[in-house]
Amino acid sequence: ESDILAGQREFGFDDLIKGMKVVGFIKSVVEFGLFVNLKNSDVCAFCHKSEASLPPSKKPSEFYSIGDCVKGKIINIDSQNRKVKISLKSQHFKAGEELRTDE
């Protein structure tokens, strides 16, 4: 399993691997999910609300705000359309797993 990219060198779309753990900042919150700018990258990933670790019956806008720092796991890469999907579910991370969000 790939390491979290926070705090490492800059990376681009071609450096991404399914299963990789990433850190990002929420760019926008929409009814159906979140768009997340991946840290140290020009890549913007999408997180569907079903992968956003939301409490039952909550909308993304009730739980997340623009600028929030989040950790996620890449669950799909569409190379042809250059789209990335991530999951923010806590099950992808070990208890106490720390992320570097400084810099």
N, C-alpha and C. Protein backbone atom coordinates (compact mmCIF):
# COMPACT_ATOMS: atom_id res chain seq x y z
N GLU A 1 0.85 -1.19 0.00
CA GLU A 1 0.00 0.00 0.00
C GLU A 1 0.89 1.24 0.00
N SER A 2 0.57 2.18 -0.83
CA SER A 2 1.39 3.37 -1.00
C SER A 2 1.28 4.30 0.20
N ASP A 3 2.37 5.00 0.44
CA ASP A 3 2.40 5.96 1.54
C ASP A 3 1.59 7.20 1.23
N ILE A 4 1.21 7.88 2.28
CA ILE A 4 0.52 9.16 2.14
C ILE A 4 1.50 10.17 1.54
N LEU A 5 1.04 10.93 0.60
CA LEU A 5 1.90 11.85 -0.13
C LEU A 5 2.13 13.18 0.57
N ALA A 6 1.42 13.45 1.63
CA ALA A 6 1.57 14.75 2.30
C ALA A 6 3.01 14.96 2.72
N GLY A 7 3.51 16.16 2.44
CA GLY A 7 4.85 16.50 2.87
C GLY A 7 5.94 16.03 1.92
N GLN A 8 5.59 15.32 0.84
CA GLN A 8 6.57 14.86 -0.12
C GLN A 8 6.64 15.82 -1.29
N ARG A 9 7.45 15.46 -2.26
CA ARG A 9 7.64 16.29 -3.46
C ARG A 9 6.32 16.50 -4.19
N GLU A 10 6.32 17.44 -5.12
CA GLU A 10 5.12 17.66 -5.92
C GLU A 10 4.89 16.46 -6.83
N PHE A 11 3.64 16.21 -7.17
CA PHE A 11 3.32 15.08 -8.03
C PHE A 11 2.17 15.47 -8.95
N GLY A 12 2.05 14.73 -10.03
CA GLY A 12 1.00 15.00 -11.01
C GLY A 12 0.11 13.81 -11.22
N PHE A 13 -0.79 13.94 -12.16
CA PHE A 13 -1.77 12.88 -12.44
C PHE A 13 -1.08 11.54 -12.72
N ASP A 14 -0.01 11.56 -13.51
CA ASP A 14 0.65 10.32 -13.90
C ASP A 14 1.37 9.62 -12.76
N ASP A 15 1.55 10.29 -11.62
CA ASP A 15 2.19 9.69 -10.45
C ASP A 15 1.20 8.96 -9.55
N LEU A 16 -0.08 9.14 -9.80
CA LEU A 16 -1.11 8.57 -8.92
C LEU A 16 -1.28 7.08 -9.17
N ILE A 17 -1.57 6.35 -8.08
CA ILE A 17 -1.78 4.91 -8.13
C ILE A 17 -3.04 4.59 -7.33
N LYS A 18 -3.88 3.72 -7.87
CA LYS A 18 -5.06 3.29 -7.12
C LYS A 18 -4.60 2.68 -5.80
N GLY A 19 -5.25 3.08 -4.71
CA GLY A 19 -4.88 2.61 -3.38
C GLY A 19 -3.97 3.57 -2.62
N MET A 20 -3.43 4.56 -3.32
CA MET A 20 -2.54 5.53 -2.70
C MET A 20 -3.33 6.41 -1.72
N LYS A 21 -2.71 6.73 -0.61
CA LYS A 21 -3.31 7.63 0.37
C LYS A 21 -2.81 9.04 0.12
N VAL A 22 -3.74 9.98 0.18
CA VAL A 22 -3.41 11.36 -0.16
C VAL A 22 -4.03 12.32 0.86
N VAL A 23 -3.51 13.55 0.84
CA VAL A 23 -4.03 14.63 1.65
C VAL A 23 -4.49 15.72 0.69
N GLY A 24 -5.57 16.39 1.04
CA GLY A 24 -6.03 17.47 0.19
C GLY A 24 -6.87 18.46 0.95
N PHE A 25 -7.26 19.50 0.22
CA PHE A 25 -8.09 20.55 0.79
C PHE A 25 -9.35 20.67 -0.04
N ILE A 26 -10.49 20.77 0.61
CA ILE A 26 -11.76 20.81 -0.10
C ILE A 26 -11.85 22.09 -0.92
N LYS A 27 -12.06 21.92 -2.22
CA LYS A 27 -12.18 23.03 -3.16
C LYS A 27 -13.63 23.47 -3.27
N SER A 28 -14.55 22.49 -3.33
CA SER A 28 -15.98 22.83 -3.39
C SER A 28 -16.80 21.68 -2.83
N VAL A 29 -17.96 22.06 -2.30
CA VAL A 29 -18.90 21.11 -1.73
C VAL A 29 -20.19 21.20 -2.55
N VAL A 30 -20.61 20.07 -3.08
CA VAL A 30 -21.83 20.02 -3.88
C VAL A 30 -22.77 18.98 -3.29
N GLU A 31 -24.00 18.97 -3.75
CA GLU A 31 -25.01 18.07 -3.20
C GLU A 31 -24.59 16.60 -3.26
N PHE A 32 -23.86 16.23 -4.32
CA PHE A 32 -23.52 14.83 -4.55
C PHE A 32 -22.10 14.46 -4.11
N GLY A 33 -21.36 15.41 -3.51
CA GLY A 33 -20.03 15.07 -3.02
C GLY A 33 -19.11 16.26 -2.86
N LEU A 34 -17.82 15.98 -2.95
CA LEU A 34 -16.78 16.98 -2.68
C LEU A 34 -15.72 16.96 -3.78
N PHE A 35 -15.20 18.12 -4.10
CA PHE A 35 -14.03 18.20 -4.96
C PHE A 35 -12.86 18.61 -4.08
N VAL A 36 -11.76 17.86 -4.19
CA VAL A 36 -10.62 18.02 -3.29
C VAL A 36 -9.35 18.28 -4.10
N ASN A 37 -8.69 19.40 -3.82
CA ASN A 37 -7.38 19.66 -4.42
C ASN A 37 -6.34 18.87 -3.64
N LEU A 38 -5.66 17.95 -4.32
CA LEU A 38 -4.66 17.14 -3.65
C LEU A 38 -3.43 17.98 -3.34
N LYS A 39 -2.93 17.82 -2.13
CA LYS A 39 -1.79 18.61 -1.66
C LYS A 39 -0.55 18.29 -2.50
N ASN A 40 0.24 19.31 -2.77
CA ASN A 40 1.47 19.20 -3.55
C ASN A 40 1.21 18.72 -4.98
N SER A 41 0.04 19.06 -5.51
CA SER A 41 -0.34 18.59 -6.83
C SER A 41 -1.28 19.58 -7.51
N ASP A 42 -1.38 19.44 -8.83
CA ASP A 42 -2.37 20.22 -9.56
C ASP A 42 -3.63 19.39 -9.82
N VAL A 43 -3.72 18.23 -9.19
CA VAL A 43 -4.84 17.32 -9.39
C VAL A 43 -6.00 17.66 -8.45
N CYS A 44 -7.20 17.68 -9.01
CA CYS A 44 -8.42 17.84 -8.22
C CYS A 44 -9.16 16.51 -8.30
N ALA A 45 -9.44 15.91 -7.16
CA ALA A 45 -10.13 14.62 -7.09
C ALA A 45 -11.57 14.82 -6.66
N PHE A 46 -12.41 13.84 -6.98
CA PHE A 46 -13.82 13.88 -6.59
C PHE A 46 -14.08 12.80 -5.55
N CYS A 47 -14.88 13.14 -4.56
CA CYS A 47 -15.33 12.18 -3.55
C CYS A 47 -16.85 12.20 -3.53
N HIS A 48 -17.46 11.09 -3.97
CA HIS A 48 -18.93 10.98 -3.93
C HIS A 48 -19.38 10.96 -2.48
N LYS A 49 -20.57 11.49 -2.23
CA LYS A 49 -21.06 11.57 -0.84
C LYS A 49 -21.11 10.20 -0.17
N SER A 50 -21.26 9.11 -0.94
CA SER A 50 -21.28 7.77 -0.35
C SER A 50 -19.91 7.35 0.16
N GLU A 51 -18.86 8.06 -0.27
CA GLU A 51 -17.48 7.76 0.16
C GLU A 51 -16.94 8.83 1.11
N ALA A 52 -17.80 9.73 1.56
CA ALA A 52 -17.33 10.90 2.32
C ALA A 52 -17.40 10.75 3.84
N SER A 53 -17.71 9.57 4.35
CA SER A 53 -17.77 9.36 5.80
C SER A 53 -18.76 10.32 6.47
N LEU A 54 -19.90 10.49 5.85
CA LEU A 54 -20.93 11.38 6.41
C LEU A 54 -21.81 10.63 7.40
N PRO A 55 -22.26 11.30 8.44
CA PRO A 55 -23.26 10.70 9.32
C PRO A 55 -24.54 10.43 8.51
N PRO A 56 -25.34 9.45 8.90
CA PRO A 56 -26.56 9.13 8.17
C PRO A 56 -27.44 10.37 7.95
N SER A 57 -27.98 10.48 6.77
CA SER A 57 -28.91 11.55 6.36
C SER A 57 -28.32 12.96 6.36
N LYS A 58 -27.01 13.08 6.42
CA LYS A 58 -26.37 14.40 6.37
C LYS A 58 -25.95 14.71 4.94
N LYS A 59 -26.03 15.97 4.58
CA LYS A 59 -25.55 16.44 3.29
C LYS A 59 -24.08 16.80 3.44
N PRO A 60 -23.30 16.71 2.36
CA PRO A 60 -21.89 17.09 2.46
C PRO A 60 -21.68 18.50 3.03
N SER A 61 -22.56 19.43 2.67
CA SER A 61 -22.41 20.82 3.14
C SER A 61 -22.67 20.98 4.63
N GLU A 62 -23.29 19.99 5.26
CA GLU A 62 -23.53 20.04 6.70
C GLU A 62 -22.34 19.53 7.50
N PHE A 63 -21.39 18.91 6.81
CA PHE A 63 -20.28 18.26 7.51
C PHE A 63 -18.92 18.79 7.06
N TYR A 64 -18.81 19.25 5.82
CA TYR A 64 -17.54 19.71 5.26
C TYR A 64 -17.66 21.15 4.79
N SER A 65 -16.52 21.87 4.83
CA SER A 65 -16.46 23.26 4.36
C SER A 65 -15.28 23.43 3.41
N ILE A 66 -15.39 24.41 2.54
CA ILE A 66 -14.28 24.73 1.64
C ILE A 66 -13.05 25.05 2.48
N GLY A 67 -11.92 24.47 2.09
CA GLY A 67 -10.67 24.69 2.81
C GLY A 67 -10.34 23.63 3.85
N ASP A 68 -11.31 22.79 4.22
CA ASP A 68 -11.04 21.72 5.19
C ASP A 68 -9.94 20.81 4.66
N CYS A 69 -9.03 20.40 5.52
CA CYS A 69 -7.99 19.45 5.17
C CYS A 69 -8.54 18.05 5.42
N VAL A 70 -8.42 17.18 4.41
CA VAL A 70 -8.94 15.82 4.53
C VAL A 70 -7.89 14.82 4.06
N LYS A 71 -7.98 13.60 4.54
CA LYS A 71 -7.14 12.52 4.03
C LYS A 71 -8.04 11.54 3.31
N GLY A 72 -7.52 10.98 2.24
CA GLY A 72 -8.32 10.07 1.44
C GLY A 72 -7.48 8.98 0.82
N LYS A 73 -8.18 8.05 0.19
CA LYS A 73 -7.54 6.95 -0.52
C LYS A 73 -8.07 6.95 -1.94
N ILE A 74 -7.17 6.87 -2.91
CA ILE A 74 -7.59 6.84 -4.30
C ILE A 74 -8.27 5.51 -4.59
N ILE A 75 -9.53 5.58 -5.05
CA ILE A 75 -10.29 4.35 -5.32
C ILE A 75 -10.51 4.12 -6.82
N ASN A 76 -10.27 5.15 -7.63
CA ASN A 76 -10.42 4.98 -9.08
C ASN A 76 -9.64 6.06 -9.81
N ILE A 77 -9.00 5.65 -10.89
CA ILE A 77 -8.29 6.60 -11.76
C ILE A 77 -8.78 6.34 -13.19
N ASP A 78 -9.34 7.37 -13.80
CA ASP A 78 -9.80 7.30 -15.18
C ASP A 78 -8.75 8.05 -16.02
N SER A 79 -7.79 7.30 -16.55
CA SER A 79 -6.69 7.90 -17.30
C SER A 79 -7.16 8.60 -18.56
N GLN A 80 -8.13 8.02 -19.24
CA GLN A 80 -8.61 8.60 -20.49
C GLN A 80 -9.20 10.00 -20.29
N ASN A 81 -10.01 10.15 -19.22
CA ASN A 81 -10.65 11.43 -18.93
C ASN A 81 -9.91 12.24 -17.87
N ARG A 82 -8.82 11.67 -17.36
CA ARG A 82 -7.97 12.31 -16.34
C ARG A 82 -8.79 12.72 -15.10
N LYS A 83 -9.56 11.75 -14.60
CA LYS A 83 -10.37 11.98 -13.40
C LYS A 83 -9.93 11.01 -12.31
N VAL A 84 -9.99 11.51 -11.07
CA VAL A 84 -9.59 10.72 -9.91
C VAL A 84 -10.73 10.73 -8.91
N LYS A 85 -11.04 9.55 -8.37
CA LYS A 85 -12.04 9.45 -7.31
C LYS A 85 -11.34 8.98 -6.05
N ILE A 86 -11.72 9.63 -4.93
CA ILE A 86 -11.14 9.25 -3.64
C ILE A 86 -12.26 8.90 -2.65
N SER A 87 -11.86 8.17 -1.62
CA SER A 87 -12.75 7.86 -0.51
C SER A 87 -12.16 8.47 0.75
N LEU A 88 -13.02 9.05 1.58
CA LEU A 88 -12.57 9.63 2.84
C LEU A 88 -12.93 8.74 4.04
N LYS A 89 -13.43 7.55 3.76
CA LYS A 89 -13.87 6.66 4.85
C LYS A 89 -12.70 6.29 5.75
N SER A 90 -12.95 6.32 7.04
CA SER A 90 -11.90 6.08 8.03
C SER A 90 -11.37 4.65 7.98
N GLN A 91 -12.13 3.73 7.42
CA GLN A 91 -11.69 2.33 7.36
C GLN A 91 -10.41 2.16 6.53
N HIS A 92 -10.06 3.15 5.73
CA HIS A 92 -8.87 3.08 4.90
C HIS A 92 -7.59 3.44 5.66
N PHE A 93 -7.74 3.86 6.91
CA PHE A 93 -6.61 4.34 7.69
C PHE A 93 -6.52 3.60 9.02
N LYS A 94 -5.28 3.39 9.47
CA LYS A 94 -5.06 2.77 10.76
C LYS A 94 -5.38 3.77 11.87
N ALA A 95 -5.79 3.28 13.00
CA ALA A 95 -6.07 4.17 14.14
C ALA A 95 -4.81 4.97 14.46
N GLY A 96 -4.96 6.27 14.59
CA GLY A 96 -3.85 7.13 14.96
C GLY A 96 -2.90 7.46 13.81
N GLU A 97 -3.23 7.04 12.58
CA GLU A 97 -2.35 7.34 11.44
C GLU A 97 -2.32 8.85 11.23
N GLU A 98 -1.12 9.40 11.30
CA GLU A 98 -0.95 10.84 11.21
C GLU A 98 -0.65 11.28 9.79
N LEU A 99 -1.06 12.49 9.48
CA LEU A 99 -0.79 13.08 8.19
C LEU A 99 -0.01 14.36 8.40
N ARG A 100 0.93 14.62 7.52
CA ARG A 100 1.64 15.89 7.57
C ARG A 100 0.86 16.89 6.74
N THR A 101 0.36 17.90 7.40
CA THR A 101 -0.40 18.93 6.69
C THR A 101 0.32 20.27 6.75
N ASP A 102 1.50 20.30 7.39
CA ASP A 102 2.25 21.54 7.48
C ASP A 102 3.05 21.77 6.20
N GLU A 103 3.67 22.88 6.06
CA GLU A 103 4.54 23.29 4.97
C GLU A 103 4.20 24.65 4.54
